[in-house]
Amino acid sequence: MSRNRHGKRDSRHYFEWMEYASEDLDAAQQLLAGGTCFNLAGFHCQQTIEKSLKAYLLFMSGQTFDGHNLSWLVRQACKYNSQFNRFIGETALLNRYYIECRYPSDNWENPDRKMIQRNLCVTRDLYVYVCKLIYKNDYESEKYKDN
């Protein structure tokens, strides 16, 4: 389940995954605020969710998970907490931001501000939810509550 890249492995520290997820969330918010690069804002939303879910799964299981399919990662999280079910539909839509938004495609419609705002709301909700589960209402869970 874990990647091995030239002798290096994914971090086994869930808090590092959450730190990187936080940086992706910041990037998505900044790109949206700048009014440009909506594709990249969507990518950072996808990355925030992926890293948050991987952090949660690592926290719960002690194992790293490979892959980028958000729907699959949500289903894995549901094994520990059925409340993750509420994210299934929205994360399925965000899966496309992993590849399609970064490479030219005839089948991709660039997102607009409204679409990215919606994606960002879902992303923030999932990120904050994972923070609450992992940190038990520590300061990180409050960081994006009202942004």
N, C-alpha and C. Protein backbone atom coordinates (compact mmCIF):
# COMPACT_ATOMS: atom_id res chain seq x y z
N MET A 1 0.79 -1.20 0.00
CA MET A 1 0.00 0.00 0.00
C MET A 1 0.84 1.27 0.00
N SER A 2 2.06 1.17 0.40
CA SER A 2 2.91 2.35 0.51
C SER A 2 3.89 2.40 -0.65
N ARG A 3 4.15 3.59 -1.12
CA ARG A 3 5.10 3.79 -2.21
C ARG A 3 6.52 3.73 -1.70
N ASN A 4 7.37 3.19 -2.52
CA ASN A 4 8.80 3.18 -2.23
C ASN A 4 9.49 3.84 -3.41
N ARG A 5 10.00 5.06 -3.21
CA ARG A 5 10.62 5.83 -4.28
C ARG A 5 12.12 5.90 -4.02
N HIS A 6 12.88 5.09 -4.77
CA HIS A 6 14.34 5.11 -4.67
C HIS A 6 14.79 5.01 -3.21
N GLY A 7 14.22 4.08 -2.49
CA GLY A 7 14.61 3.86 -1.11
C GLY A 7 13.90 4.76 -0.12
N LYS A 8 13.11 5.73 -0.61
CA LYS A 8 12.38 6.63 0.28
C LYS A 8 10.93 6.18 0.34
N ARG A 9 10.35 6.27 1.48
CA ARG A 9 8.95 5.86 1.66
C ARG A 9 8.12 7.06 2.08
N ASP A 10 6.82 6.94 1.85
CA ASP A 10 5.91 7.97 2.34
C ASP A 10 6.04 8.06 3.85
N SER A 11 5.84 9.26 4.37
CA SER A 11 5.95 9.48 5.81
C SER A 11 4.95 8.61 6.57
N ARG A 12 5.39 8.12 7.69
CA ARG A 12 4.52 7.34 8.58
C ARG A 12 4.05 8.20 9.75
N HIS A 13 4.12 9.51 9.58
CA HIS A 13 3.68 10.45 10.62
C HIS A 13 2.46 11.20 10.10
N TYR A 14 1.31 10.91 10.67
CA TYR A 14 0.07 11.51 10.18
C TYR A 14 0.08 13.03 10.25
N PHE A 15 0.76 13.59 11.25
CA PHE A 15 0.79 15.04 11.38
C PHE A 15 1.55 15.70 10.24
N GLU A 16 2.52 14.99 9.64
CA GLU A 16 3.19 15.54 8.46
C GLU A 16 2.24 15.57 7.26
N TRP A 17 1.41 14.53 7.12
CA TRP A 17 0.41 14.53 6.06
C TRP A 17 -0.55 15.70 6.23
N MET A 18 -0.94 15.98 7.46
CA MET A 18 -1.87 17.09 7.71
C MET A 18 -1.20 18.44 7.46
N GLU A 19 0.08 18.53 7.74
CA GLU A 19 0.81 19.77 7.46
C GLU A 19 0.83 20.05 5.96
N TYR A 20 1.08 19.03 5.17
CA TYR A 20 1.08 19.19 3.72
C TYR A 20 -0.33 19.47 3.20
N ALA A 21 -1.32 18.84 3.80
CA ALA A 21 -2.72 19.10 3.42
C ALA A 21 -3.07 20.56 3.70
N SER A 22 -2.61 21.08 4.81
CA SER A 22 -2.84 22.47 5.17
C SER A 22 -2.22 23.42 4.16
N GLU A 23 -1.03 23.09 3.69
CA GLU A 23 -0.36 23.92 2.68
C GLU A 23 -1.14 23.90 1.36
N ASP A 24 -1.65 22.73 0.99
CA ASP A 24 -2.46 22.65 -0.23
C ASP A 24 -3.75 23.46 -0.09
N LEU A 25 -4.35 23.42 1.08
CA LEU A 25 -5.56 24.19 1.31
C LEU A 25 -5.26 25.69 1.22
N ASP A 26 -4.16 26.11 1.80
CA ASP A 26 -3.73 27.52 1.68
C ASP A 26 -3.54 27.90 0.22
N ALA A 27 -2.89 27.04 -0.54
CA ALA A 27 -2.63 27.33 -1.96
C ALA A 27 -3.94 27.46 -2.72
N ALA A 28 -4.89 26.56 -2.49
CA ALA A 28 -6.18 26.63 -3.18
C ALA A 28 -6.89 27.94 -2.86
N GLN A 29 -6.86 28.33 -1.61
CA GLN A 29 -7.52 29.57 -1.19
C GLN A 29 -6.86 30.79 -1.83
N GLN A 30 -5.55 30.79 -1.88
CA GLN A 30 -4.83 31.92 -2.48
C GLN A 30 -5.08 32.00 -3.98
N LEU A 31 -5.10 30.86 -4.65
CA LEU A 31 -5.37 30.87 -6.09
C LEU A 31 -6.79 31.34 -6.38
N LEU A 32 -7.74 30.93 -5.57
CA LEU A 32 -9.11 31.39 -5.75
C LEU A 32 -9.20 32.89 -5.51
N ALA A 33 -8.57 33.36 -4.46
CA ALA A 33 -8.59 34.78 -4.14
C ALA A 33 -7.94 35.61 -5.24
N GLY A 34 -6.92 35.05 -5.89
CA GLY A 34 -6.24 35.75 -6.97
C GLY A 34 -7.05 35.79 -8.25
N GLY A 35 -8.06 34.94 -8.34
CA GLY A 35 -8.93 34.95 -9.50
C GLY A 35 -8.35 34.34 -10.76
N THR A 36 -7.26 33.62 -10.62
CA THR A 36 -6.64 32.96 -11.77
C THR A 36 -6.30 31.53 -11.39
N CYS A 37 -5.91 30.77 -12.37
CA CYS A 37 -5.42 29.41 -12.13
C CYS A 37 -6.43 28.54 -11.40
N PHE A 38 -7.68 28.58 -11.85
CA PHE A 38 -8.71 27.77 -11.20
C PHE A 38 -8.43 26.28 -11.32
N ASN A 39 -7.80 25.87 -12.42
CA ASN A 39 -7.41 24.46 -12.55
C ASN A 39 -6.48 24.06 -11.41
N LEU A 40 -5.49 24.89 -11.14
CA LEU A 40 -4.55 24.56 -10.07
C LEU A 40 -5.19 24.64 -8.70
N ALA A 41 -6.14 25.55 -8.53
CA ALA A 41 -6.87 25.62 -7.26
C ALA A 41 -7.63 24.31 -7.05
N GLY A 42 -8.24 23.79 -8.11
CA GLY A 42 -8.93 22.50 -8.02
C GLY A 42 -7.98 21.37 -7.69
N PHE A 43 -6.79 21.40 -8.30
CA PHE A 43 -5.79 20.38 -8.01
C PHE A 43 -5.40 20.42 -6.53
N HIS A 44 -5.21 21.61 -5.99
CA HIS A 44 -4.84 21.72 -4.58
C HIS A 44 -5.98 21.30 -3.66
N CYS A 45 -7.22 21.49 -4.09
CA CYS A 45 -8.35 20.95 -3.32
C CYS A 45 -8.27 19.42 -3.29
N GLN A 46 -8.04 18.82 -4.45
CA GLN A 46 -7.92 17.37 -4.53
C GLN A 46 -6.79 16.88 -3.63
N GLN A 47 -5.67 17.57 -3.67
CA GLN A 47 -4.51 17.17 -2.87
C GLN A 47 -4.77 17.32 -1.37
N THR A 48 -5.47 18.37 -0.98
CA THR A 48 -5.82 18.56 0.43
C THR A 48 -6.63 17.37 0.93
N ILE A 49 -7.63 16.99 0.15
CA ILE A 49 -8.48 15.87 0.55
C ILE A 49 -7.70 14.57 0.57
N GLU A 50 -6.91 14.33 -0.47
CA GLU A 50 -6.12 13.09 -0.51
C GLU A 50 -5.21 12.98 0.70
N LYS A 51 -4.49 14.02 1.01
CA LYS A 51 -3.53 13.98 2.12
C LYS A 51 -4.24 13.91 3.46
N SER A 52 -5.37 14.58 3.59
CA SER A 52 -6.15 14.51 4.83
C SER A 52 -6.65 13.09 5.07
N LEU A 53 -7.18 12.47 4.02
CA LEU A 53 -7.67 11.10 4.17
C LEU A 53 -6.53 10.13 4.47
N LYS A 54 -5.40 10.32 3.82
CA LYS A 54 -4.25 9.45 4.09
C LYS A 54 -3.75 9.64 5.51
N ALA A 55 -3.80 10.87 6.01
CA ALA A 55 -3.42 11.13 7.40
C ALA A 55 -4.36 10.39 8.35
N TYR A 56 -5.66 10.50 8.09
CA TYR A 56 -6.64 9.84 8.94
C TYR A 56 -6.44 8.33 8.93
N LEU A 57 -6.27 7.77 7.74
CA LEU A 57 -6.08 6.33 7.63
C LEU A 57 -4.80 5.87 8.32
N LEU A 58 -3.76 6.65 8.21
CA LEU A 58 -2.51 6.33 8.90
C LEU A 58 -2.72 6.42 10.41
N PHE A 59 -3.41 7.45 10.86
CA PHE A 59 -3.72 7.63 12.28
C PHE A 59 -4.50 6.43 12.83
N MET A 60 -5.47 5.96 12.06
CA MET A 60 -6.33 4.88 12.53
C MET A 60 -5.70 3.49 12.38
N SER A 61 -4.96 3.28 11.30
CA SER A 61 -4.47 1.93 11.02
C SER A 61 -2.98 1.73 11.27
N GLY A 62 -2.24 2.83 11.29
CA GLY A 62 -0.79 2.71 11.42
C GLY A 62 -0.12 2.37 10.10
N GLN A 63 -0.90 2.36 9.00
CA GLN A 63 -0.36 2.01 7.69
C GLN A 63 -0.56 3.15 6.71
N THR A 64 0.39 3.29 5.78
CA THR A 64 0.23 4.28 4.72
C THR A 64 -0.59 3.66 3.59
N PHE A 65 -1.30 4.51 2.88
CA PHE A 65 -2.14 4.06 1.77
C PHE A 65 -1.66 4.72 0.49
N ASP A 66 -1.58 3.94 -0.56
CA ASP A 66 -1.15 4.44 -1.86
C ASP A 66 -2.37 4.71 -2.72
N GLY A 67 -2.21 5.56 -3.70
CA GLY A 67 -3.29 5.84 -4.64
C GLY A 67 -3.82 7.24 -4.49
N HIS A 68 -4.53 7.68 -5.51
CA HIS A 68 -5.02 9.05 -5.56
C HIS A 68 -6.53 9.13 -5.71
N ASN A 69 -7.21 7.99 -5.77
CA ASN A 69 -8.65 7.97 -5.96
C ASN A 69 -9.34 8.34 -4.66
N LEU A 70 -9.94 9.52 -4.64
CA LEU A 70 -10.56 10.02 -3.42
C LEU A 70 -11.74 9.16 -2.98
N SER A 71 -12.51 8.67 -3.93
CA SER A 71 -13.65 7.82 -3.58
C SER A 71 -13.19 6.56 -2.85
N TRP A 72 -12.13 5.97 -3.36
CA TRP A 72 -11.58 4.77 -2.71
C TRP A 72 -11.07 5.10 -1.31
N LEU A 73 -10.36 6.22 -1.18
CA LEU A 73 -9.83 6.61 0.13
C LEU A 73 -10.97 6.91 1.11
N VAL A 74 -12.05 7.54 0.64
CA VAL A 74 -13.20 7.79 1.52
C VAL A 74 -13.81 6.46 1.97
N ARG A 75 -13.93 5.51 1.05
CA ARG A 75 -14.48 4.20 1.44
C ARG A 75 -13.59 3.51 2.48
N GLN A 76 -12.29 3.69 2.37
CA GLN A 76 -11.39 3.12 3.38
C GLN A 76 -11.61 3.81 4.72
N ALA A 77 -11.78 5.13 4.70
CA ALA A 77 -12.03 5.88 5.94
C ALA A 77 -13.36 5.47 6.56
N CYS A 78 -14.35 5.14 5.73
CA CYS A 78 -15.67 4.70 6.23
C CYS A 78 -15.57 3.43 7.05
N LYS A 79 -14.55 2.65 6.82
CA LYS A 79 -14.37 1.42 7.60
C LYS A 79 -14.10 1.74 9.07
N TYR A 80 -13.59 2.93 9.33
CA TYR A 80 -13.31 3.36 10.70
C TYR A 80 -14.37 4.32 11.24
N ASN A 81 -15.01 5.05 10.31
CA ASN A 81 -16.00 6.05 10.73
C ASN A 81 -16.99 6.25 9.58
N SER A 82 -18.21 5.79 9.78
CA SER A 82 -19.22 5.84 8.71
C SER A 82 -19.62 7.27 8.34
N GLN A 83 -19.27 8.25 9.15
CA GLN A 83 -19.61 9.64 8.84
C GLN A 83 -18.89 10.15 7.59
N PHE A 84 -17.85 9.48 7.18
CA PHE A 84 -17.16 9.87 5.94
C PHE A 84 -18.03 9.65 4.71
N ASN A 85 -19.09 8.85 4.83
CA ASN A 85 -20.00 8.62 3.71
C ASN A 85 -20.52 9.91 3.10
N ARG A 86 -20.66 10.94 3.90
CA ARG A 86 -21.22 12.20 3.39
C ARG A 86 -20.31 12.87 2.36
N PHE A 87 -19.07 12.42 2.27
CA PHE A 87 -18.12 13.01 1.33
C PHE A 87 -17.98 12.23 0.02
N ILE A 88 -18.64 11.09 -0.08
CA ILE A 88 -18.45 10.22 -1.25
C ILE A 88 -18.76 10.94 -2.57
N GLY A 89 -19.92 11.55 -2.69
CA GLY A 89 -20.33 12.17 -3.95
C GLY A 89 -19.42 13.30 -4.39
N GLU A 90 -19.13 14.19 -3.48
CA GLU A 90 -18.31 15.35 -3.82
C GLU A 90 -16.87 14.96 -4.13
N THR A 91 -16.34 14.00 -3.40
CA THR A 91 -14.95 13.60 -3.67
C THR A 91 -14.85 12.89 -5.01
N ALA A 92 -15.91 12.21 -5.43
CA ALA A 92 -15.89 11.57 -6.75
C ALA A 92 -15.71 12.62 -7.83
N LEU A 93 -16.36 13.77 -7.66
CA LEU A 93 -16.21 14.86 -8.63
C LEU A 93 -14.80 15.45 -8.60
N LEU A 94 -14.22 15.52 -7.42
CA LEU A 94 -12.88 16.10 -7.29
C LEU A 94 -11.77 15.19 -7.80
N ASN A 95 -12.07 13.91 -8.01
CA ASN A 95 -11.06 13.00 -8.56
C ASN A 95 -10.48 13.51 -9.87
N ARG A 96 -11.30 14.15 -10.67
CA ARG A 96 -10.84 14.60 -11.99
C ARG A 96 -9.73 15.65 -11.89
N TYR A 97 -9.63 16.32 -10.77
CA TYR A 97 -8.63 17.38 -10.64
C TYR A 97 -7.22 16.84 -10.45
N TYR A 98 -7.08 15.55 -10.27
CA TYR A 98 -5.74 15.01 -10.10
C TYR A 98 -4.97 15.01 -11.42
N ILE A 99 -5.61 14.64 -12.50
CA ILE A 99 -4.94 14.56 -13.80
C ILE A 99 -5.48 15.59 -14.79
N GLU A 100 -6.78 15.56 -15.01
CA GLU A 100 -7.38 16.31 -16.12
C GLU A 100 -7.10 17.81 -16.10
N CYS A 101 -7.03 18.38 -14.93
CA CYS A 101 -6.83 19.84 -14.87
C CYS A 101 -5.39 20.25 -15.12
N ARG A 102 -4.47 19.31 -15.13
CA ARG A 102 -3.06 19.65 -15.28
C ARG A 102 -2.50 19.37 -16.67
N TYR A 103 -3.29 18.68 -17.50
CA TYR A 103 -2.82 18.34 -18.84
C TYR A 103 -3.90 18.70 -19.86
N PRO A 104 -3.51 19.12 -21.05
CA PRO A 104 -4.52 19.45 -22.07
C PRO A 104 -5.39 18.24 -22.37
N SER A 105 -6.68 18.49 -22.49
CA SER A 105 -7.62 17.41 -22.77
C SER A 105 -8.80 17.93 -23.57
N ASP A 106 -9.29 17.12 -24.47
CA ASP A 106 -10.48 17.48 -25.23
C ASP A 106 -11.75 17.27 -24.42
N ASN A 107 -11.66 16.56 -23.31
CA ASN A 107 -12.83 16.22 -22.51
C ASN A 107 -12.88 16.97 -21.18
N TRP A 108 -12.18 18.07 -21.06
CA TRP A 108 -12.11 18.80 -19.79
C TRP A 108 -12.67 20.20 -19.97
N GLU A 109 -13.57 20.56 -19.11
CA GLU A 109 -14.09 21.93 -19.11
C GLU A 109 -13.47 22.65 -17.92
N ASN A 110 -12.74 23.72 -18.20
CA ASN A 110 -12.08 24.44 -17.13
C ASN A 110 -13.09 24.93 -16.10
N PRO A 111 -12.75 24.79 -14.83
CA PRO A 111 -13.67 25.24 -13.78
C PRO A 111 -13.73 26.76 -13.71
N ASP A 112 -14.84 27.27 -13.23
CA ASP A 112 -14.97 28.71 -13.00
C ASP A 112 -14.90 28.97 -11.49
N ARG A 113 -14.97 30.23 -11.13
CA ARG A 113 -14.85 30.63 -9.73
C ARG A 113 -15.89 29.92 -8.85
N LYS A 114 -17.13 29.87 -9.32
CA LYS A 114 -18.21 29.27 -8.53
C LYS A 114 -17.93 27.79 -8.25
N MET A 115 -17.45 27.08 -9.26
CA MET A 115 -17.14 25.66 -9.10
C MET A 115 -16.02 25.46 -8.08
N ILE A 116 -14.99 26.29 -8.17
CA ILE A 116 -13.88 26.15 -7.24
C ILE A 116 -14.31 26.55 -5.83
N GLN A 117 -15.16 27.53 -5.69
CA GLN A 117 -15.68 27.89 -4.37
C GLN A 117 -16.40 26.71 -3.74
N ARG A 118 -17.20 26.02 -4.54
CA ARG A 118 -17.91 24.84 -4.03
C ARG A 118 -16.91 23.75 -3.63
N ASN A 119 -15.93 23.50 -4.51
CA ASN A 119 -14.91 22.50 -4.19
C ASN A 119 -14.16 22.85 -2.92
N LEU A 120 -13.88 24.13 -2.76
CA LEU A 120 -13.15 24.58 -1.58
C LEU A 120 -13.97 24.38 -0.31
N CYS A 121 -15.27 24.57 -0.39
CA CYS A 121 -16.13 24.34 0.78
C CYS A 121 -16.08 22.87 1.21
N VAL A 122 -16.19 21.96 0.24
CA VAL A 122 -16.11 20.54 0.54
C VAL A 122 -14.74 20.19 1.09
N THR A 123 -13.72 20.74 0.47
CA THR A 123 -12.34 20.48 0.90
C THR A 123 -12.13 20.93 2.34
N ARG A 124 -12.55 22.15 2.65
CA ARG A 124 -12.42 22.68 4.01
C ARG A 124 -13.19 21.81 5.00
N ASP A 125 -14.41 21.42 4.63
CA ASP A 125 -15.23 20.59 5.52
C ASP A 125 -14.53 19.28 5.86
N LEU A 126 -14.00 18.62 4.84
CA LEU A 126 -13.33 17.35 5.08
C LEU A 126 -12.05 17.55 5.89
N TYR A 127 -11.28 18.57 5.53
CA TYR A 127 -10.03 18.85 6.26
C TYR A 127 -10.32 19.11 7.74
N VAL A 128 -11.29 19.96 8.02
CA VAL A 128 -11.63 20.29 9.41
C VAL A 128 -12.15 19.06 10.13
N TYR A 129 -12.95 18.26 9.45
CA TYR A 129 -13.47 17.03 10.07
C TYR A 129 -12.34 16.10 10.47
N VAL A 130 -11.38 15.92 9.57
CA VAL A 130 -10.23 15.06 9.89
C VAL A 130 -9.43 15.66 11.04
N CYS A 131 -9.24 16.97 11.03
CA CYS A 131 -8.52 17.61 12.13
C CYS A 131 -9.20 17.33 13.46
N LYS A 132 -10.51 17.45 13.48
CA LYS A 132 -11.24 17.20 14.73
C LYS A 132 -11.07 15.76 15.19
N LEU A 133 -11.07 14.83 14.26
CA LEU A 133 -10.91 13.43 14.63
C LEU A 133 -9.50 13.13 15.12
N ILE A 134 -8.53 13.72 14.47
CA ILE A 134 -7.14 13.43 14.82
C ILE A 134 -6.67 14.25 16.03
N TYR A 135 -6.94 15.53 16.00
CA TYR A 135 -6.41 16.42 17.01
C TYR A 135 -7.37 16.68 18.16
N LYS A 136 -8.56 16.11 18.08
CA LYS A 136 -9.55 16.29 19.15
C LYS A 136 -9.77 17.77 19.48
N ASN A 137 -10.15 18.52 18.44
CA ASN A 137 -10.47 19.95 18.56
C ASN A 137 -9.27 20.83 18.90
N ASP A 138 -8.10 20.37 18.53
CA ASP A 138 -6.90 21.18 18.72
C ASP A 138 -6.96 22.41 17.82
N TYR A 139 -5.98 23.28 17.89
CA TYR A 139 -6.01 24.56 17.17
C TYR A 139 -6.15 24.39 15.67
N GLU A 140 -5.62 23.32 15.09
CA GLU A 140 -5.69 23.14 13.64
C GLU A 140 -7.12 23.08 13.15
N SER A 141 -8.01 22.50 13.93
CA SER A 141 -9.39 22.37 13.48
C SER A 141 -10.08 23.73 13.42
N GLU A 142 -9.56 24.71 14.10
CA GLU A 142 -10.15 26.04 14.09
C GLU A 142 -9.56 26.92 12.99
N LYS A 143 -8.44 26.52 12.42
CA LYS A 143 -7.70 27.35 11.50
C LYS A 143 -8.52 27.79 10.28
N TYR A 144 -9.33 26.89 9.73
CA TYR A 144 -10.06 27.19 8.51
C TYR A 144 -11.56 27.25 8.72
N LYS A 145 -12.00 27.28 9.94
CA LYS A 145 -13.42 27.21 10.23
C LYS A 145 -14.22 28.32 9.55
N ASP A 146 -13.75 29.54 9.61
CA ASP A 146 -14.52 30.67 9.10
C ASP A 146 -13.91 31.30 7.87
N ASN A 147 -12.90 30.71 7.27
CA ASN A 147 -12.26 31.30 6.08
C ASN A 147 -13.04 30.99 4.84
